[in-house]
C-alpha atoms as a PDB file:
ATOM      1  CA  MET A   1     -13.098  51.510 -15.540  1.00  0.00           C
ATOM      2  CA  ASP A   2      -9.728  52.548 -14.729  1.00  0.00           C
ATOM      3  CA  VAL A   3      -9.325  54.342 -11.884  1.00  0.00           C
ATOM      4  CA  GLN A   4      -6.276  57.071 -11.794  1.00  0.00           C
ATOM      5  CA  SER A   5      -4.210  57.197  -8.409  1.00  0.00           C
ATOM      6  CA  GLY A   6      -5.995  60.875  -7.947  1.00  0.00           C
ATOM      7  CA  ASP A   7      -9.347  59.584  -7.784  1.00  0.00           C
ATOM      8  CA  LYS A   8      -8.321  56.905  -5.094  1.00  0.00           C
ATOM      9  CA  PRO A   9     -10.560  57.118  -2.167  1.00  0.00           C
ATOM     10  CA  TYR A  10      -8.860  57.492   1.503  1.00  0.00           C
ATOM     11  CA  ASP A  11      -7.676  54.514   3.475  1.00  0.00           C
ATOM     12  CA  GLU A  12      -6.115  56.450   6.330  1.00  0.00           C
ATOM     13  CA  ILE A  13      -7.401  59.755   8.241  1.00  0.00           C
ATOM     14  CA  ASN A  14      -4.293  62.164   9.287  1.00  0.00           C
ATOM     15  CA  ILE A  15      -5.077  63.175  12.362  1.00  0.00           C
ATOM     16  CA  THR A  16      -2.003  65.276  13.552  1.00  0.00           C
ATOM     17  CA  PRO A  17      -3.914  68.631  13.130  1.00  0.00           C
ATOM     18  CA  MET A  18      -6.388  67.405  15.181  1.00  0.00           C
ATOM     19  CA  LEU A  19      -3.623  66.597  17.914  1.00  0.00           C
ATOM     20  CA  ASP A  20      -1.976  69.538  17.756  1.00  0.00           C
ATOM     21  CA  LEU A  21      -5.164  71.087  18.643  1.00  0.00           C
ATOM     22  CA  ALA A  22      -5.691  69.047  21.312  1.00  0.00           C
ATOM     23  CA  TYR A  23      -2.113  69.919  22.926  1.00  0.00           C
ATOM     24  CA  VAL A  24      -2.571  73.385  22.609  1.00  0.00           C
ATOM     25  CA  LEU A  25      -5.977  73.609  24.254  1.00  0.00           C
ATOM     26  CA  LEU A  26      -4.628  71.130  27.035  1.00  0.00           C
ATOM     27  CA  VAL A  27      -1.598  73.799  27.565  1.00  0.00           C
ATOM     28  CA  ILE A  28      -4.139  76.945  27.449  1.00  0.00           C
ATOM     29  CA  PHE A  29      -5.938  75.023  30.310  1.00  0.00           C
ATOM     30  CA  ILE A  30      -3.008  74.517  32.396  1.00  0.00           C
ATOM     31  CA  ILE A  31      -1.922  77.762  32.782  1.00  0.00           C
ATOM     32  CA  MET A  32      -5.323  79.330  33.307  1.00  0.00           C
ATOM     33  CA  THR A  33      -5.944  76.858  36.324  1.00  0.00           C
ATOM     34  CA  THR A  34      -2.539  77.213  37.588  1.00  0.00           C
ATOM     35  CA  ALA A  35      -3.216  81.398  37.086  1.00  0.00           C
ATOM     36  CA  ALA A  36      -6.255  81.228  38.953  1.00  0.00           C
ATOM     37  CA  VAL A  37      -5.231  79.243  42.005  1.00  0.00           C
ATOM     38  CA  GLN A  38      -3.231  82.042  43.666  1.00  0.00           C
ATOM     39  CA  GLY A  39      -5.153  82.530  46.866  1.00  0.00           C
ATOM     40  CA  ALA A  40      -8.047  85.431  47.406  1.00  0.00           C
ATOM     41  CA  LYS A  41      -7.679  88.484  46.207  1.00  0.00           C
ATOM     42  CA  VAL A  42      -6.831  91.395  48.662  1.00  0.00           C
ATOM     43  CA  ASP A  43      -5.863  95.429  48.387  1.00  0.00           C
ATOM     44  CA  LEU A  44      -2.422  95.110  50.821  1.00  0.00           C
ATOM     45  CA  PRO A  45      -1.712  98.153  52.733  1.00  0.00           C
ATOM     46  CA  LYS A  46       1.761  99.870  51.925  1.00  0.00           C
ATOM     47  CA  GLY A  47       5.102  99.414  53.263  1.00  0.00           C
ATOM     48  CA  SER A  48       8.885  99.345  52.960  1.00  0.00           C
ATOM     49  CA  SER A  49      11.248  97.244  51.660  1.00  0.00           C
ATOM     50  CA  THR A  50      12.316  94.334  53.389  1.00  0.00           C
ATOM     51  CA  GLN A  51      13.063  90.770  52.762  1.00  0.00           C
ATOM     52  CA  SER A  52      10.401  88.614  51.583  1.00  0.00           C
ATOM     53  CA  LEU A  53       8.603  86.185  54.069  1.00  0.00           C
ATOM     54  CA  SER A  54       7.157  83.589  52.177  1.00  0.00           C
ATOM     55  CA  GLN A  55       8.635  79.687  52.238  1.00  0.00           C
ATOM     56  CA  PRO A  56       7.955  76.123  50.760  1.00  0.00           C
ATOM     57  CA  LYS A  57       5.774  75.165  53.324  1.00  0.00           C
ATOM     58  CA  THR A  58       4.239  78.572  54.523  1.00  0.00           C
ATOM     59  CA  LYS A  59       0.114  78.590  54.540  1.00  0.00           C
ATOM     60  CA  LEU A  60      -1.618  81.955  53.545  1.00  0.00           C
ATOM     61  CA  ILE A  61      -4.418  83.565  55.762  1.00  0.00           C
ATOM     62  CA  SER A  62      -6.318  86.219  53.726  1.00  0.00           C
ATOM     63  CA  VAL A  63      -9.346  88.621  54.866  1.00  0.00           C
ATOM     64  CA  SER A  64     -10.966  89.817  52.394  1.00  0.00           C
ATOM     65  CA  ASN A  65     -12.481  93.389  52.770  1.00  0.00           C
ATOM     66  CA  GLU A  66     -15.774  91.990  53.132  1.00  0.00           C
ATOM     67  CA  GLY A  67     -14.252  90.140  56.426  1.00  0.00           C
ATOM     68  CA  GLN A  68     -14.210  86.281  54.861  1.00  0.00           C
ATOM     69  CA  ILE A  69     -11.541  84.173  56.093  1.00  0.00           C
ATOM     70  CA  PHE A  70      -9.496  82.307  53.685  1.00  0.00           C
ATOM     71  CA  LEU A  71      -7.249  79.556  53.933  1.00  0.00           C
ATOM     72  CA  ASP A  72      -5.084  78.987  50.776  1.00  0.00           C
ATOM     73  CA  ALA A  73      -7.760  80.838  48.783  1.00  0.00           C
ATOM     74  CA  ILE A  74     -10.655  78.411  50.350  1.00  0.00           C
ATOM     75  CA  PRO A  75     -13.270  80.253  52.352  1.00  0.00           C
ATOM     76  CA  VAL A  76     -13.318  79.048  55.982  1.00  0.00           C
ATOM     77  CA  SER A  77     -14.721  80.221  59.481  1.00  0.00           C
ATOM     78  CA  LEU A  78     -12.453  80.980  62.665  1.00  0.00           C
ATOM     79  CA  GLY A  79     -13.375  77.064  64.231  1.00  0.00           C
ATOM     80  CA  GLU A  80     -12.439  75.893  60.432  1.00  0.00           C
ATOM     81  CA  LEU A  81      -9.516  77.861  60.487  1.00  0.00           C
ATOM     82  CA  GLU A  82      -8.181  76.281  64.395  1.00  0.00           C
ATOM     83  CA  THR A  83      -8.904  72.760  63.029  1.00  0.00           C
ATOM     84  CA  ARG A  84      -7.027  72.994  59.651  1.00  0.00           C
ATOM     85  CA  LEU A  85      -3.792  74.891  61.560  1.00  0.00           C
ATOM     86  CA  ARG A  86      -3.741  72.088  64.239  1.00  0.00           C
ATOM     87  CA  ASP A  87      -3.754  69.359  61.862  1.00  0.00           C
ATOM     88  CA  ALA A  88      -1.079  71.557  60.062  1.00  0.00           C
ATOM     89  CA  LYS A  89       0.858  72.480  62.850  1.00  0.00           C
ATOM     90  CA  ALA A  90       0.520  68.296  63.846  1.00  0.00           C
ATOM     91  CA  ILE A  91       2.244  67.645  60.534  1.00  0.00           C
ATOM     92  CA  THR A  92       4.995  70.720  60.467  1.00  0.00           C
ATOM     93  CA  PRO A  93       5.696  71.788  64.002  1.00  0.00           C
ATOM     94  CA  ASP A  94       7.638  75.056  62.993  1.00  0.00           C
ATOM     95  CA  LEU A  95       4.624  76.003  60.451  1.00  0.00           C
ATOM     96  CA  PRO A  96       4.572  79.590  59.179  1.00  0.00           C
ATOM     97  CA  ILE A  97       1.824  81.895  58.734  1.00  0.00           C
ATOM     98  CA  ILE A  98       1.614  84.729  56.517  1.00  0.00           C
ATOM     99  CA  ILE A  99      -1.579  87.000  57.139  1.00  0.00           C
ATOM    100  CA  LYS A 100      -2.844  88.511  54.004  1.00  0.00           C
ATOM    101  CA  GLY A 101      -5.249  91.529  55.702  1.00  0.00           C
ATOM    102  CA  ASP A 102      -7.118  93.730  52.748  1.00  0.00           C
ATOM    103  CA  ARG A 103      -6.487  97.263  54.197  1.00  0.00           C
ATOM    104  CA  ALA A 104     -10.542  97.698  54.469  1.00  0.00           C
ATOM    105  CA  VAL A 105     -11.003  95.447  56.610  1.00  0.00           C
ATOM    106  CA  GLN A 106     -12.029  95.892  60.232  1.00  0.00           C
ATOM    107  CA  TYR A 107      -9.171  95.221  62.314  1.00  0.00           C
ATOM    108  CA  GLU A 108     -10.713  93.115  64.952  1.00  0.00           C
ATOM    109  CA  LYS A 109     -10.518  89.931  61.895  1.00  0.00           C
ATOM    110  CA  VAL A 110      -7.155  90.327  61.880  1.00  0.00           C
ATOM    111  CA  THR A 111      -6.464  90.165  66.013  1.00  0.00           C
ATOM    112  CA  ALA A 112      -8.817  87.616  65.626  1.00  0.00           C
ATOM    113  CA  VAL A 113      -6.714  85.211  63.267  1.00  0.00           C
ATOM    114  CA  LEU A 114      -3.641  86.411  65.241  1.00  0.00           C
ATOM    115  CA  ASP A 115      -5.068  85.426  68.608  1.00  0.00           C
ATOM    116  CA  LEU A 116      -6.280  81.929  67.026  1.00  0.00           C
ATOM    117  CA  CYS A 117      -2.730  81.487  65.653  1.00  0.00           C
ATOM    118  CA  SER A 118      -1.442  82.071  69.010  1.00  0.00           C
ATOM    119  CA  LYS A 119      -3.587  79.813  70.700  1.00  0.00           C
ATOM    120  CA  VAL A 120      -2.745  76.908  67.931  1.00  0.00           C
ATOM    121  CA  GLY A 121       0.615  77.515  68.935  1.00  0.00           C
ATOM    122  CA  ILE A 122       1.936  78.643  65.829  1.00  0.00           C
ATOM    123  CA  SER A 123       4.835  81.845  66.743  1.00  0.00           C
ATOM    124  CA  SER A 124       6.256  81.997  62.857  1.00  0.00           C
ATOM    125  CA  VAL A 125       3.742  84.724  61.848  1.00  0.00           C
ATOM    126  CA  GLY A 126       4.099  87.289  59.431  1.00  0.00           C
ATOM    127  CA  LEU A 127       2.259  89.800  57.923  1.00  0.00           C
ATOM    128  CA  ALA A 128       2.308  90.611  54.027  1.00  0.00           C
ATOM    129  CA  TYR A 129       2.039  94.434  52.806  1.00  0.00           C
ATOM    130  CA  GLN A 130       2.624  95.986  49.422  1.00  0.00           C
ATOM    131  CA  ARG A 131       5.873  97.365  48.645  1.00  0.00           C
ATOM    132  CA  VAL A 132       5.809 101.155  48.013  1.00  0.00           C
ATOM    133  CA  ASN A 133       7.778 102.554  45.353  1.00  0.00           C
ATOM    134  CA  GLY A 134      10.850 104.557  46.324  1.00  0.00           C
ATOM    135  CA  SER A 135      11.627 103.315  49.813  1.00  0.00           C
END
């Protein structure tokens, strides 16, 4: 029986298409993960145009419309927030803080966070707001 070259069984498996698919899935996973870790969603009040207060070592405190407090997208209580801010201030003495308060949140929650920052000794505190077009 004479075996022609077209009837020869495969000695190797071509895994290039499988690797291409794996790389595409990895890139999609990386993009989706980084897009999901950008803080808690709050509806910011409107304000005038000014310079951005963001700095590389800035801690972000968000207060949702239900009154839940988040430190860099992690839900915390006021006690936990105080502990974490004290630890961060020990590492970075001039620690800047940005507070994002939802426009529907009770003013008391935002002032409690501001008082806590003052108690911890953080003097560089900014309030985030959304710019109004045309201002």
